[in-house]
Amino acid sequence: MNLIGRTLHLCAQAYGTSGGMRRTVLAEQALPLRISVIDAGRSPTPKGHRLNFAPELQRSPLPLAPVPSCASPWQVRTNTPDWLNERVCGHCGSDVLKLVNLMAGRRKVSQGESLYREHDRFEFIYAVHSGSFKSTLALADGCEQVNNFHMAGELLGLDGVADGRHASGAAALEDSEISMVSYTHLHELAAAMAGIHHTVIRLISREIVRGNCHMVMLGSLNSAQRLAAFLLNQSENLSARGYSAVDFNLKMSRGDIGSFLGLTLETISRTFSELQQQRLLKVDRRHIVISDLDGLAHV
């Protein structure tokens, strides 16, 4: 293994370790710590308890691109569409764009369909063009633990770099579309182009930061604060993609949200009701209307 390969492997091992730590924390449903994340010496801001999972990555509003019909679920493309270049350049930064420009296939993934499963052989890195996905881990008791959600403009599959096997599974929350690049091809390009090598390392590093932020949330916020932080994060992500920041439909179930936040389904349902009683938001199944963004941020 050359120097580039060893560097990527070590970075991915750190990423996998972070995921393993999340698995341990999430398995413990009782989390006694209730520490405010707002410093006493700082003035509160409307961001409140919102967690910035990728501080250097501004996500993009990626519209649904028309895809010509094709007999195969994979469609080879030699150039990145103009709409993707513009959106990713403007909102996601150059790192994601560099990888997207190398991606040669497009695939539709139906709601509930697995893109890959835990321990599957790692072959591709994926970019979400439209729709959304959830990443899951299998716990010792056989239950499924949600450890991340992915929207348009984000990458999937980096967890497989360390050991050549995916450390988590990924499934579509709705009808979605992804593109992919072979990691073998990417590795060959990285050997010849230092910029690609650094791009992959930065992207894996951001995933480590995202995982660390999630563990901080699980260890320091109460149930209302966790749900408020989650909804504010959804609001910001949707707003960055050109959708309403205060009126939206959640693509994930309450069970998935509870799993991600380390809370039971009953606690999630009760907390939604409490936030609604405080007139911070209105809830109709998965339809959310945030009535008071500032108030929600200071739960």
Foldseek 3Di string as FASTA:
>chain_A
DDPLLVVLQVLLVLLLVLVVVVLVLLVDLDFPAAAFPDDPVDDDDLQFLAFPLFVVFFFFQQDDDDDDDDPDQKDFDQADDPSVVVGCVVGGNVLLVVFSRQFTIKGKAAAFGWPFAFFAFQWKKKAWRAAKKWKWAQDPVRDIFTADIGGHRDMDRSSCSNPRTHRIIMGTLHTTMMTIHTVVVLVVVCVVPVVSSVSSSSNSVSSSSSSVSLVCQLNHHDLLLLVLNVLQVVLSNQVNSVHHSFWDFDSDALCNSCSNNSHHSVSSVVSVVVCVVVVQWDDDHRIIGGPNSSVSSND
